[in-house]
Amino acid sequence: MEDLVDALGGVFVAAGVFLESREALRNLALFQKEETDSLQLYINDISHHNGMGILLAGFFMEIGTAIMKIPERLINTDGAEKYVFSVCLVLSIAGLYIVFDFVKDFIISYVVKPTKVNAH
C-alpha cells in the first residue's frame, strides 16, 4: 500500500510540474518569448492553477508515506498508518478531481473561445 501511494504521489508531482511549466515549455518549443494568443494564455492560466493543485496533493501524499518509513525508534507510528493512508486516499481523490477539472476546462476552451470575461 505504501509503495502504491508513494508512486501515485510521484506521478502527481510530475504531472503538476509539467502542467505548471506549460507556458515555459511551449515558449521553448516554439522559440518565442511571450504568448499572444488569448486561447493559449487561458490554457496557460488553467494549467498553472491545476498543476499547482496536483503538485501539492502529490507532495503531501509523499510526505505521508515518508512519515510511515521513519524508523519506529524515532517516531511511534504504531496504528497511525490507517489515518495517514486515509488522508492520502482523500488527497488522491482530490488530485484526480483536479485532473478531470483541467481536462474539462481544456476541452471547453476549444469549444467556447475564452474572453476576458470568462478567463481566470
PDB file of N, CA and C in Angstrom:
ATOM      1  N   MET A   1       0.826  -1.190   0.000  1.00  0.00           N
ATOM      2  CA  MET A   1       0.000   0.000   0.000  1.00  0.00           C
ATOM      3  C   MET A   1       0.871   1.255   0.000  1.00  0.00           C
ATOM      4  N   GLU A   2       1.910   1.209   0.798  1.00  0.00           N
ATOM      5  CA  GLU A   2       2.811   2.353   0.918  1.00  0.00           C
ATOM      6  C   GLU A   2       3.485   2.675  -0.418  1.00  0.00           C
ATOM      7  N   ASP A   3       3.919   1.632  -1.131  1.00  0.00           N
ATOM      8  CA  ASP A   3       4.571   1.846  -2.420  1.00  0.00           C
ATOM      9  C   ASP A   3       3.599   2.395  -3.463  1.00  0.00           C
ATOM     10  N   LEU A   4       2.360   1.926  -3.424  1.00  0.00           N
ATOM     11  CA  LEU A   4       1.345   2.405  -4.364  1.00  0.00           C
ATOM     12  C   LEU A   4       1.061   3.894  -4.147  1.00  0.00           C
ATOM     13  N   VAL A   5       0.880   4.284  -2.899  1.00  0.00           N
ATOM     14  CA  VAL A   5       0.606   5.693  -2.578  1.00  0.00           C
ATOM     15  C   VAL A   5       1.812   6.552  -2.944  1.00  0.00           C
ATOM     16  N   ASP A   6       3.007   6.050  -2.667  1.00  0.00           N
ATOM     17  CA  ASP A   6       4.222   6.795  -2.987  1.00  0.00           C
ATOM     18  C   ASP A   6       4.370   6.978  -4.500  1.00  0.00           C
ATOM     19  N   ALA A   7       4.074   5.926  -5.261  1.00  0.00           N
ATOM     20  CA  ALA A   7       4.159   6.011  -6.724  1.00  0.00           C
ATOM     21  C   ALA A   7       3.114   6.981  -7.279  1.00  0.00           C
ATOM     22  N   LEU A   8       1.897   6.913  -6.774  1.00  0.00           N
ATOM     23  CA  LEU A   8       0.853   7.820  -7.232  1.00  0.00           C
ATOM     24  C   LEU A   8       1.201   9.269  -6.875  1.00  0.00           C
ATOM     25  N   GLY A   9       1.764   9.468  -5.704  1.00  0.00           N
ATOM     26  CA  GLY A   9       2.212  10.806  -5.312  1.00  0.00           C
ATOM     27  C   GLY A   9       3.300  11.319  -6.248  1.00  0.00           C
ATOM     28  N   GLY A  10       4.213  10.436  -6.641  1.00  0.00           N
ATOM     29  CA  GLY A  10       5.263  10.816  -7.594  1.00  0.00           C
ATOM     30  C   GLY A  10       4.705  11.192  -8.952  1.00  0.00           C
ATOM     31  N   VAL A  11       3.693  10.453  -9.398  1.00  0.00           N
ATOM     32  CA  VAL A  11       3.042  10.774 -10.675  1.00  0.00           C
ATOM     33  C   VAL A  11       2.341  12.121 -10.584  1.00  0.00           C
ATOM     34  N   PHE A  12       1.676  12.374  -9.464  1.00  0.00           N
ATOM     35  CA  PHE A  12       1.002  13.666  -9.279  1.00  0.00           C
ATOM     36  C   PHE A  12       2.014  14.810  -9.284  1.00  0.00           C
ATOM     37  N   VAL A  13       3.145  14.620  -8.620  1.00  0.00           N
ATOM     38  CA  VAL A  13       4.174  15.664  -8.591  1.00  0.00           C
ATOM     39  C   VAL A  13       4.684  15.935 -10.007  1.00  0.00           C
ATOM     40  N   ALA A  14       4.992  14.872 -10.748  1.00  0.00           N
ATOM     41  CA  ALA A  14       5.499  15.042 -12.117  1.00  0.00           C
ATOM     42  C   ALA A  14       4.463  15.722 -13.013  1.00  0.00           C
ATOM     43  N   ALA A  15       3.208  15.290 -12.918  1.00  0.00           N
ATOM     44  CA  ALA A  15       2.152  15.897 -13.732  1.00  0.00           C
ATOM     45  C   ALA A  15       1.941  17.353 -13.350  1.00  0.00           C
ATOM     46  N   GLY A  16       1.991  17.651 -12.061  1.00  0.00           N
ATOM     47  CA  GLY A  16       1.821  19.022 -11.603  1.00  0.00           C
ATOM     48  C   GLY A  16       2.922  19.937 -12.104  1.00  0.00           C
ATOM     49  N   VAL A  17       4.158  19.467 -12.046  1.00  0.00           N
ATOM     50  CA  VAL A  17       5.275  20.264 -12.548  1.00  0.00           C
ATOM     51  C   VAL A  17       5.136  20.478 -14.051  1.00  0.00           C
ATOM     52  N   PHE A  18       4.746  19.421 -14.772  1.00  0.00           N
ATOM     53  CA  PHE A  18       4.574  19.532 -16.222  1.00  0.00           C
ATOM     54  C   PHE A  18       3.491  20.548 -16.575  1.00  0.00           C
ATOM     55  N   LEU A  19       2.334  20.452 -15.916  1.00  0.00           N
ATOM     56  CA  LEU A  19       1.252  21.393 -16.203  1.00  0.00           C
ATOM     57  C   LEU A  19       1.635  22.821 -15.806  1.00  0.00           C
ATOM     58  N   GLU A  20       2.283  22.946 -14.668  1.00  0.00           N
ATOM     59  CA  GLU A  20       2.668  24.262 -14.202  1.00  0.00           C
ATOM     60  C   GLU A  20       3.683  24.918 -15.142  1.00  0.00           C
ATOM     61  N   SER A  21       4.486  24.124 -15.799  1.00  0.00           N
ATOM     62  CA  SER A  21       5.533  24.630 -16.688  1.00  0.00           C
ATOM     63  C   SER A  21       5.096  24.695 -18.147  1.00  0.00           C
ATOM     64  N   ARG A  22       3.814  24.539 -18.413  1.00  0.00           N
ATOM     65  CA  ARG A  22       3.333  24.504 -19.791  1.00  0.00           C
ATOM     66  C   ARG A  22       3.767  25.728 -20.585  1.00  0.00           C
ATOM     67  N   GLU A  23       3.618  26.895 -20.014  1.00  0.00           N
ATOM     68  CA  GLU A  23       3.944  28.128 -20.731  1.00  0.00           C
ATOM     69  C   GLU A  23       5.419  28.161 -21.123  1.00  0.00           C
ATOM     70  N   ALA A  24       6.292  27.857 -20.180  1.00  0.00           N
ATOM     71  CA  ALA A  24       7.728  27.883 -20.468  1.00  0.00           C
ATOM     72  C   ALA A  24       8.106  26.815 -21.496  1.00  0.00           C
ATOM     73  N   LEU A  25       7.554  25.618 -21.356  1.00  0.00           N
ATOM     74  CA  LEU A  25       7.857  24.551 -22.308  1.00  0.00           C
ATOM     75  C   LEU A  25       7.368  24.900 -23.705  1.00  0.00           C
ATOM     76  N   ARG A  26       6.180  25.479 -23.787  1.00  0.00           N
ATOM     77  CA  ARG A  26       5.629  25.870 -25.094  1.00  0.00           C
ATOM     78  C   ARG A  26       6.475  26.964 -25.740  1.00  0.00           C
ATOM     79  N   ASN A  27       6.893  27.941 -24.935  1.00  0.00           N
ATOM     80  CA  ASN A  27       7.731  29.019 -25.471  1.00  0.00           C
ATOM     81  C   ASN A  27       9.082  28.492 -25.938  1.00  0.00           C
ATOM     82  N   LEU A  28       9.646  27.539 -25.210  1.00  0.00           N
ATOM     83  CA  LEU A  28      10.918  26.944 -25.633  1.00  0.00           C
ATOM     84  C   LEU A  28      10.752  26.150 -26.931  1.00  0.00           C
ATOM     85  N   ALA A  29       9.684  25.402 -27.022  1.00  0.00           N
ATOM     86  CA  ALA A  29       9.471  24.566 -28.201  1.00  0.00           C
ATOM     87  C   ALA A  29       9.198  25.404 -29.447  1.00  0.00           C
ATOM     88  N   LEU A  30       8.532  26.534 -29.280  1.00  0.00           N
ATOM     89  CA  LEU A  30       8.169  27.381 -30.425  1.00  0.00           C
ATOM     90  C   LEU A  30       9.152  28.534 -30.639  1.00  0.00           C
ATOM     91  N   PHE A  31      10.213  28.595 -29.839  1.00  0.00           N
ATOM     92  CA  PHE A  31      11.225  29.648 -29.943  1.00  0.00           C
ATOM     93  C   PHE A  31      10.606  31.048 -29.895  1.00  0.00           C
ATOM     94  N   GLN A  32       9.754  31.265 -28.912  1.00  0.00           N
ATOM     95  CA  GLN A  32       9.143  32.576 -28.752  1.00  0.00           C
ATOM     96  C   GLN A  32       9.305  33.034 -27.315  1.00  0.00           C
ATOM     97  N   LYS A  33       9.226  34.341 -27.129  1.00  0.00           N
ATOM     98  CA  LYS A  33       9.421  34.889 -25.784  1.00  0.00           C
ATOM     99  C   LYS A  33       8.127  34.969 -25.005  1.00  0.00           C
ATOM    100  N   GLU A  34       7.050  35.399 -25.648  1.00  0.00           N
ATOM    101  CA  GLU A  34       5.769  35.546 -24.971  1.00  0.00           C
ATOM    102  C   GLU A  34       4.646  35.034 -25.850  1.00  0.00           C
ATOM    103  N   GLU A  35       3.602  34.579 -25.190  1.00  0.00           N
ATOM    104  CA  GLU A  35       2.404  34.103 -25.893  1.00  0.00           C
ATOM    105  C   GLU A  35       1.467  35.283 -26.112  1.00  0.00           C
ATOM    106  N   THR A  36       0.898  35.356 -27.313  1.00  0.00           N
ATOM    107  CA  THR A  36      -0.028  36.448 -27.619  1.00  0.00           C
ATOM    108  C   THR A  36      -1.450  35.949 -27.866  1.00  0.00           C
ATOM    109  N   ASP A  37      -1.611  34.676 -28.165  1.00  0.00           N
ATOM    110  CA  ASP A  37      -2.932  34.117 -28.449  1.00  0.00           C
ATOM    111  C   ASP A  37      -3.736  34.010 -27.150  1.00  0.00           C
ATOM    112  N   SER A  38      -4.955  34.553 -27.143  1.00  0.00           N
ATOM    113  CA  SER A  38      -5.763  34.557 -25.919  1.00  0.00           C
ATOM    114  C   SER A  38      -6.142  33.142 -25.484  1.00  0.00           C
ATOM    115  N   LEU A  39      -6.349  32.240 -26.428  1.00  0.00           N
ATOM    116  CA  LEU A  39      -6.675  30.860 -26.080  1.00  0.00           C
ATOM    117  C   LEU A  39      -5.508  30.197 -25.347  1.00  0.00           C
ATOM    118  N   GLN A  40      -4.307  30.375 -25.862  1.00  0.00           N
ATOM    119  CA  GLN A  40      -3.133  29.776 -25.222  1.00  0.00           C
ATOM    120  C   GLN A  40      -2.841  30.425 -23.876  1.00  0.00           C
ATOM    121  N   LEU A  41      -3.089  31.713 -23.760  1.00  0.00           N
ATOM    122  CA  LEU A  41      -2.922  32.378 -22.462  1.00  0.00           C
ATOM    123  C   LEU A  41      -3.896  31.817 -21.426  1.00  0.00           C
ATOM    124  N   TYR A  42      -5.126  31.566 -21.859  1.00  0.00           N
ATOM    125  CA  TYR A  42      -6.131  30.981 -20.967  1.00  0.00           C
ATOM    126  C   TYR A  42      -5.718  29.571 -20.546  1.00  0.00           C
ATOM    127  N   ILE A  43      -5.257  28.774 -21.508  1.00  0.00           N
ATOM    128  CA  ILE A  43      -4.829  27.401 -21.193  1.00  0.00           C
ATOM    129  C   ILE A  43      -3.606  27.429 -20.273  1.00  0.00           C
ATOM    130  N   ASN A  44      -2.695  28.368 -20.492  1.00  0.00           N
ATOM    131  CA  ASN A  44      -1.545  28.506 -19.587  1.00  0.00           C
ATOM    132  C   ASN A  44      -2.013  28.805 -18.170  1.00  0.00           C
ATOM    133  N   ASP A  45      -3.017  29.645 -18.057  1.00  0.00           N
ATOM    134  CA  ASP A  45      -3.542  30.025 -16.742  1.00  0.00           C
ATOM    135  C   ASP A  45      -4.169  28.826 -16.031  1.00  0.00           C
ATOM    136  N   ILE A  46      -5.037  28.090 -16.721  1.00  0.00           N
ATOM    137  CA  ILE A  46      -5.663  26.931 -16.063  1.00  0.00           C
ATOM    138  C   ILE A  46      -4.642  25.822 -15.817  1.00  0.00           C
ATOM    139  N   SER A  47      -3.632  25.711 -16.679  1.00  0.00           N
ATOM    140  CA  SER A  47      -2.576  24.719 -16.458  1.00  0.00           C
ATOM    141  C   SER A  47      -1.783  25.046 -15.203  1.00  0.00           C
ATOM    142  N   HIS A  48      -1.489  26.320 -15.014  1.00  0.00           N
ATOM    143  CA  HIS A  48      -0.721  26.722 -13.834  1.00  0.00           C
ATOM    144  C   HIS A  48      -1.505  26.449 -12.551  1.00  0.00           C
ATOM    145  N   HIS A  49      -2.775  26.841 -12.522  1.00  0.00           N
ATOM    146  CA  HIS A  49      -3.581  26.654 -11.314  1.00  0.00           C
ATOM    147  C   HIS A  49      -3.794  25.174 -11.002  1.00  0.00           C
ATOM    148  N   ASN A  50      -4.192  24.395 -11.998  1.00  0.00           N
ATOM    149  CA  ASN A  50      -4.434  22.974 -11.765  1.00  0.00           C
ATOM    150  C   ASN A  50      -3.137  22.220 -11.508  1.00  0.00           C
ATOM    151  N   GLY A  51      -2.061  22.624 -12.160  1.00  0.00           N
ATOM    152  CA  GLY A  51      -0.764  21.993 -11.909  1.00  0.00           C
ATOM    153  C   GLY A  51      -0.312  22.185 -10.483  1.00  0.00           C
ATOM    154  N   MET A  52      -0.548  23.368  -9.942  1.00  0.00           N
ATOM    155  CA  MET A  52      -0.179  23.634  -8.545  1.00  0.00           C
ATOM    156  C   MET A  52      -0.985  22.751  -7.594  1.00  0.00           C
ATOM    157  N   GLY A  53      -2.265  22.582  -7.879  1.00  0.00           N
ATOM    158  CA  GLY A  53      -3.098  21.729  -7.029  1.00  0.00           C
ATOM    159  C   GLY A  53      -2.651  20.278  -7.056  1.00  0.00           C
ATOM    160  N   ILE A  54      -2.366  19.770  -8.252  1.00  0.00           N
ATOM    161  CA  ILE A  54      -1.904  18.383  -8.375  1.00  0.00           C
ATOM    162  C   ILE A  54      -0.548  18.218  -7.703  1.00  0.00           C
ATOM    163  N   LEU A  55       0.327  19.191  -7.886  1.00  0.00           N
ATOM    164  CA  LEU A  55       1.653  19.148  -7.281  1.00  0.00           C
ATOM    165  C   LEU A  55       1.570  19.097  -5.755  1.00  0.00           C
ATOM    166  N   LEU A  56       0.729  19.936  -5.166  1.00  0.00           N
ATOM    167  CA  LEU A  56       0.585  19.948  -3.707  1.00  0.00           C
ATOM    168  C   LEU A  56      -0.002  18.641  -3.185  1.00  0.00           C
ATOM    169  N   ALA A  57      -1.004  18.108  -3.882  1.00  0.00           N
ATOM    170  CA  ALA A  57      -1.581  16.824  -3.467  1.00  0.00           C
ATOM    171  C   ALA A  57      -0.511  15.735  -3.499  1.00  0.00           C
ATOM    172  N   GLY A  58       0.291  15.707  -4.553  1.00  0.00           N
ATOM    173  CA  GLY A  58       1.363  14.712  -4.659  1.00  0.00           C
ATOM    174  C   GLY A  58       2.415  14.873  -3.576  1.00  0.00           C
ATOM    175  N   PHE A  59       2.801  16.112  -3.285  1.00  0.00           N
ATOM    176  CA  PHE A  59       3.785  16.346  -2.230  1.00  0.00           C
ATOM    177  C   PHE A  59       3.280  15.852  -0.877  1.00  0.00           C
ATOM    178  N   PHE A  60       2.041  16.164  -0.553  1.00  0.00           N
ATOM    179  CA  PHE A  60       1.515  15.730   0.745  1.00  0.00           C
ATOM    180  C   PHE A  60       1.360  14.208   0.805  1.00  0.00           C
ATOM    181  N   MET A  61       1.050  13.587  -0.318  1.00  0.00           N
ATOM    182  CA  MET A  61       0.987  12.124  -0.329  1.00  0.00           C
ATOM    183  C   MET A  61       2.374  11.529  -0.080  1.00  0.00           C
ATOM    184  N   GLU A  62       3.392  12.108  -0.699  1.00  0.00           N
ATOM    185  CA  GLU A  62       4.747  11.610  -0.481  1.00  0.00           C
ATOM    186  C   GLU A  62       5.229  11.871   0.940  1.00  0.00           C
ATOM    187  N   ILE A  63       4.817  12.980   1.519  1.00  0.00           N
ATOM    188  CA  ILE A  63       5.162  13.255   2.915  1.00  0.00           C
ATOM    189  C   ILE A  63       4.526  12.207   3.822  1.00  0.00           C
ATOM    190  N   GLY A  64       3.267  11.848   3.541  1.00  0.00           N
ATOM    191  CA  GLY A  64       2.591  10.820   4.339  1.00  0.00           C
ATOM    192  C   GLY A  64       3.301   9.483   4.288  1.00  0.00           C
ATOM    193  N   THR A  65       3.747   9.075   3.108  1.00  0.00           N
ATOM    194  CA  THR A  65       4.456   7.794   3.018  1.00  0.00           C
ATOM    195  C   THR A  65       5.846   7.892   3.643  1.00  0.00           C
ATOM    196  N   ALA A  66       6.477   9.081   3.569  1.00  0.00           N
ATOM    197  CA  ALA A  66       7.785   9.257   4.203  1.00  0.00           C
ATOM    198  C   ALA A  66       7.671   9.139   5.716  1.00  0.00           C
ATOM    199  N   ILE A  67       6.572   9.648   6.274  1.00  0.00           N
ATOM    200  CA  ILE A  67       6.358   9.527   7.723  1.00  0.00           C
ATOM    201  C   ILE A  67       6.258   8.060   8.127  1.00  0.00           C
ATOM    202  N   MET A  68       5.614   7.261   7.288  1.00  0.00           N
ATOM    203  CA  MET A  68       5.467   5.843   7.606  1.00  0.00           C
ATOM    204  C   MET A  68       6.782   5.081   7.479  1.00  0.00           C
ATOM    205  N   LYS A  69       7.738   5.608   6.727  1.00  0.00           N
ATOM    206  CA  LYS A  69       9.028   4.939   6.545  1.00  0.00           C
ATOM    207  C   LYS A  69      10.038   5.296   7.629  1.00  0.00           C
ATOM    208  N   ILE A  70       9.719   6.295   8.443  1.00  0.00           N
ATOM    209  CA  ILE A  70      10.627   6.682   9.521  1.00  0.00           C
ATOM    210  C   ILE A  70      10.690   5.535  10.523  1.00  0.00           C
ATOM    211  N   PRO A  71      11.890   5.185  10.972  1.00  0.00           N
ATOM    212  CA  PRO A  71      12.007   4.079  11.934  1.00  0.00           C
ATOM    213  C   PRO A  71      11.195   4.322  13.205  1.00  0.00           C
ATOM    214  N   GLU A  72      10.688   3.244  13.762  1.00  0.00           N
ATOM    215  CA  GLU A  72       9.841   3.309  14.960  1.00  0.00           C
ATOM    216  C   GLU A  72      10.564   3.926  16.160  1.00  0.00           C
ATOM    217  N   ARG A  73      11.868   3.826  16.205  1.00  0.00           N
ATOM    218  CA  ARG A  73      12.585   4.376  17.364  1.00  0.00           C
ATOM    219  C   ARG A  73      12.614   5.908  17.360  1.00  0.00           C
ATOM    220  N   LEU A  74      12.383   6.522  16.174  1.00  0.00           N
ATOM    221  CA  LEU A  74      12.337   7.984  16.112  1.00  0.00           C
ATOM    222  C   LEU A  74      10.934   8.516  16.378  1.00  0.00           C
ATOM    223  N   ILE A  75       9.952   7.939  15.667  1.00  0.00           N
ATOM    224  CA  ILE A  75       8.552   8.358  15.822  1.00  0.00           C
ATOM    225  C   ILE A  75       7.706   7.108  15.947  1.00  0.00           C
ATOM    226  N   ASN A  76       6.867   7.065  16.961  1.00  0.00           N
ATOM    227  CA  ASN A  76       5.980   5.931  17.131  1.00  0.00           C
ATOM    228  C   ASN A  76       4.772   6.112  16.199  1.00  0.00           C
ATOM    229  N   THR A  77       4.782   5.387  15.090  1.00  0.00           N
ATOM    230  CA  THR A  77       3.677   5.466  14.127  1.00  0.00           C
ATOM    231  C   THR A  77       2.763   4.257  14.248  1.00  0.00           C
ATOM    232  N   ASP A  78       2.833   3.580  15.362  1.00  0.00           N
ATOM    233  CA  ASP A  78       2.024   2.383  15.566  1.00  0.00           C
ATOM    234  C   ASP A  78       0.537   2.741  15.545  1.00  0.00           C
ATOM    235  N   GLY A  79      -0.184   2.209  14.607  1.00  0.00           N
ATOM    236  CA  GLY A  79      -1.611   2.447  14.495  1.00  0.00           C
ATOM    237  C   GLY A  79      -1.984   3.694  13.710  1.00  0.00           C
ATOM    238  N   ALA A  80      -0.999   4.483  13.335  1.00  0.00           N
ATOM    239  CA  ALA A  80      -1.283   5.720  12.602  1.00  0.00           C
ATOM    240  C   ALA A  80      -1.369   5.502  11.100  1.00  0.00           C
ATOM    241  N   GLU A  81      -0.961   4.308  10.647  1.00  0.00           N
ATOM    242  CA  GLU A  81      -0.931   4.054   9.207  1.00  0.00           C
ATOM    243  C   GLU A  81      -2.296   4.241   8.553  1.00  0.00           C
ATOM    244  N   LYS A  82      -3.327   3.722   9.206  1.00  0.00           N
ATOM    245  CA  LYS A  82      -4.656   3.812   8.588  1.00  0.00           C
ATOM    246  C   LYS A  82      -5.119   5.258   8.456  1.00  0.00           C
ATOM    247  N   TYR A  83      -4.739   6.118   9.400  1.00  0.00           N
ATOM    248  CA  TYR A  83      -5.128   7.525   9.317  1.00  0.00           C
ATOM    249  C   TYR A  83      -4.336   8.258   8.228  1.00  0.00           C
ATOM    250  N   VAL A  84      -3.044   7.974   8.180  1.00  0.00           N
ATOM    251  CA  VAL A  84      -2.201   8.609   7.162  1.00  0.00           C
ATOM    252  C   VAL A  84      -2.646   8.168   5.767  1.00  0.00           C
ATOM    253  N   PHE A  85      -2.913   6.881   5.594  1.00  0.00           N
ATOM    254  CA  PHE A  85      -3.341   6.399   4.286  1.00  0.00           C
ATOM    255  C   PHE A  85      -4.758   6.861   3.948  1.00  0.00           C
ATOM    256  N   SER A  86      -5.579   7.104   4.953  1.00  0.00           N
ATOM    257  CA  SER A  86      -6.906   7.679   4.699  1.00  0.00           C
ATOM    258  C   SER A  86      -6.782   9.102   4.155  1.00  0.00           C
ATOM    259  N   VAL A  87      -5.872   9.870   4.739  1.00  0.00           N
ATOM    260  CA  VAL A  87      -5.612  11.222   4.233  1.00  0.00           C
ATOM    261  C   VAL A  87      -5.052  11.144   2.819  1.00  0.00           C
ATOM    262  N   CYS A  88      -4.163  10.184   2.578  1.00  0.00           N
ATOM    263  CA  CYS A  88      -3.607  10.017   1.235  1.00  0.00           C
ATOM    264  C   CYS A  88      -4.689   9.613   0.232  1.00  0.00           C
ATOM    265  N   LEU A  89      -5.668   8.834   0.665  1.00  0.00           N
ATOM    266  CA  LEU A  89      -6.781   8.478  -0.212  1.00  0.00           C
ATOM    267  C   LEU A  89      -7.594   9.713  -0.573  1.00  0.00           C
ATOM    268  N   VAL A  90      -7.856  10.558   0.413  1.00  0.00           N
ATOM    269  CA  VAL A  90      -8.581  11.806   0.153  1.00  0.00           C
ATOM    270  C   VAL A  90      -7.775  12.689  -0.799  1.00  0.00           C
ATOM    271  N   LEU A  91      -6.460  12.776  -0.603  1.00  0.00           N
ATOM    272  CA  LEU A  91      -5.617  13.557  -1.499  1.00  0.00           C
ATOM    273  C   LEU A  91      -5.605  12.979  -2.908  1.00  0.00           C
ATOM    274  N   SER A  92      -5.646  11.646  -3.021  1.00  0.00           N
ATOM    275  CA  SER A  92      -5.703  11.007  -4.338  1.00  0.00           C
ATOM    276  C   SER A  92      -6.988  11.377  -5.062  1.00  0.00           C
ATOM    277  N   ILE A  93      -8.090  11.322  -4.344  1.00  0.00           N
ATOM    278  CA  ILE A  93      -9.385  11.687  -4.942  1.00  0.00           C
ATOM    279  C   ILE A  93      -9.379  13.163  -5.335  1.00  0.00           C
ATOM    280  N   ALA A  94      -8.813  14.016  -4.483  1.00  0.00           N
ATOM    281  CA  ALA A  94      -8.733  15.446  -4.800  1.00  0.00           C
ATOM    282  C   ALA A  94      -7.853  15.680  -6.029  1.00  0.00           C
ATOM    283  N   GLY A  95      -6.733  14.973  -6.106  1.00  0.00           N
ATOM    284  CA  GLY A  95      -5.849  15.103  -7.268  1.00  0.00           C
ATOM    285  C   GLY A  95      -6.518  14.656  -8.553  1.00  0.00           C
ATOM    286  N   LEU A  96      -7.250  13.559  -8.486  1.00  0.00           N
ATOM    287  CA  LEU A  96      -7.972  13.093  -9.676  1.00  0.00           C
ATOM    288  C   LEU A  96      -9.075  14.064 -10.065  1.00  0.00           C
ATOM    289  N   TYR A  97      -9.727  14.658  -9.079  1.00  0.00           N
ATOM    290  CA  TYR A  97     -10.746  15.670  -9.367  1.00  0.00           C
ATOM    291  C   TYR A  97     -10.113  16.862 -10.098  1.00  0.00           C
ATOM    292  N   ILE A  98      -8.940  17.284  -9.645  1.00  0.00           N
ATOM    293  CA  ILE A  98      -8.252  18.402 -10.277  1.00  0.00           C
ATOM    294  C   ILE A  98      -7.872  18.050 -11.715  1.00  0.00           C
ATOM    295  N   VAL A  99      -7.418  16.821 -11.939  1.00  0.00           N
ATOM    296  CA  VAL A  99      -7.078  16.393 -13.297  1.00  0.00           C
ATOM    297  C   VAL A  99      -8.311  16.441 -14.196  1.00  0.00           C
ATOM    298  N   PHE A 100      -9.427  15.904 -13.717  1.00  0.00           N
ATOM    299  CA  PHE A 100     -10.651  15.925 -14.526  1.00  0.00           C
ATOM    300  C   PHE A 100     -11.144  17.352 -14.752  1.00  0.00           C
ATOM    301  N   ASP A 101     -10.982  18.218 -13.759  1.00  0.00           N
ATOM    302  CA  ASP A 101     -11.362  19.615 -13.919  1.00  0.00           C
ATOM    303  C   ASP A 101     -10.501  20.281 -14.993  1.00  0.00           C
ATOM    304  N   PHE A 102      -9.212  19.979 -15.005  1.00  0.00           N
ATOM    305  CA  PHE A 102      -8.334  20.531 -16.036  1.00  0.00           C
ATOM    306  C   PHE A 102      -8.733  20.038 -17.426  1.00  0.00           C
ATOM    307  N   VAL A 103      -8.995  18.748 -17.550  1.00  0.00           N
ATOM    308  CA  VAL A 103      -9.405  18.194 -18.850  1.00  0.00           C
ATOM    309  C   VAL A 103     -10.705  18.854 -19.314  1.00  0.00           C
ATOM    310  N   LYS A 104     -11.652  19.036 -18.392  1.00  0.00           N
ATOM    311  CA  LYS A 104     -12.917  19.702 -18.726  1.00  0.00           C
ATOM    312  C   LYS A 104     -12.661  21.118 -19.225  1.00  0.00           C
ATOM    313  N   ASP A 105     -11.861  21.882 -18.481  1.00  0.00           N
ATOM    314  CA  ASP A 105     -11.556  23.259 -18.881  1.00  0.00           C
ATOM    315  C   ASP A 105     -10.807  23.307 -20.206  1.00  0.00           C
ATOM    316  N   PHE A 106      -9.900  22.356 -20.412  1.00  0.00           N
ATOM    317  CA  PHE A 106      -9.127  22.302 -21.649  1.00  0.00           C
ATOM    318  C   PHE A 106     -10.038  22.056 -22.849  1.00  0.00           C
ATOM    319  N   ILE A 107     -10.952  21.097 -22.716  1.00  0.00           N
ATOM    320  CA  ILE A 107     -11.872  20.791 -23.810  1.00  0.00           C
ATOM    321  C   ILE A 107     -12.818  21.957 -24.060  1.00  0.00           C
ATOM    322  N   ILE A 108     -13.350  22.528 -23.001  1.00  0.00           N
ATOM    323  CA  ILE A 108     -14.277  23.652 -23.141  1.00  0.00           C
ATOM    324  C   ILE A 108     -13.584  24.852 -23.788  1.00  0.00           C
ATOM    325  N   SER A 109     -12.307  25.041 -23.511  1.00  0.00           N
ATOM    326  CA  SER A 109     -11.606  26.204 -24.067  1.00  0.00           C
ATOM    327  C   SER A 109     -11.507  26.137 -25.585  1.00  0.00           C
ATOM    328  N   TYR A 110     -11.550  24.942 -26.158  1.00  0.00           N
ATOM    329  CA  TYR A 110     -11.520  24.833 -27.611  1.00  0.00           C
ATOM    330  C   TYR A 110     -12.917  24.925 -28.218  1.00  0.00           C
ATOM    331  N   VAL A 111     -13.952  24.686 -27.414  1.00  0.00           N
ATOM    332  CA  VAL A 111     -15.320  24.791 -27.901  1.00  0.00           C
ATOM    333  C   VAL A 111     -15.812  26.223 -27.775  1.00  0.00           C
ATOM    334  N   VAL A 112     -15.606  26.802 -26.590  1.00  0.00           N
ATOM    335  CA  VAL A 112     -16.011  28.181 -26.308  1.00  0.00           C
ATOM    336  C   VAL A 112     -14.730  28.989 -26.189  1.00  0.00           C
ATOM    337  N   LYS A 113     -14.486  29.856 -27.121  1.00  0.00           N
ATOM    338  CA  LYS A 113     -13.248  30.658 -27.091  1.00  0.00           C
ATOM    339  C   LYS A 113     -13.278  31.588 -25.876  1.00  0.00           C
ATOM    340  N   PRO A 114     -12.225  31.552 -25.047  1.00  0.00           N
ATOM    341  CA  PRO A 114     -12.215  32.391 -23.841  1.00  0.00           C
ATOM    342  C   PRO A 114     -12.100  33.855 -24.191  1.00  0.00           C
ATOM    343  N   THR A 115     -12.758  34.655 -23.402  1.00  0.00           N
ATOM    344  CA  THR A 115     -12.633  36.108 -23.495  1.00  0.00           C
ATOM    345  C   THR A 115     -12.133  36.602 -22.154  1.00  0.00           C
ATOM    346  N   LYS A 116     -11.974  37.882 -22.028  1.00  0.00           N
ATOM    347  CA  LYS A 116     -11.512  38.423 -20.751  1.00  0.00           C
ATOM    348  C   LYS A 116     -12.558  38.239 -19.665  1.00  0.00           C
ATOM    349  N   VAL A 117     -13.823  38.038 -20.052  1.00  0.00           N
ATOM    350  CA  VAL A 117     -14.898  37.868 -19.078  1.00  0.00           C
ATOM    351  C   VAL A 117     -14.822  36.491 -18.428  1.00  0.00           C
ATOM    352  N   ASN A 118     -14.658  35.417 -19.258  1.00  0.00           N
ATOM    353  CA  ASN A 118     -14.689  34.071 -18.670  1.00  0.00           C
ATOM    354  C   ASN A 118     -13.304  33.478 -18.479  1.00  0.00           C
ATOM    355  N   ALA A 119     -12.238  34.232 -18.731  1.00  0.00           N
ATOM    356  CA  ALA A 119     -10.885  33.760 -18.417  1.00  0.00           C
ATOM    357  C   ALA A 119     -10.624  34.006 -16.946  1.00  0.00           C
ATOM    358  N   HIS A 120      -9.744  33.192 -16.348  1.00  0.00           N
ATOM    359  CA  HIS A 120      -9.449  33.337 -14.914  1.00  0.00           C
ATOM    360  C   HIS A 120      -8.748  34.625 -14.644  1.00  0.00           C
TER     361      HIS A 120
END
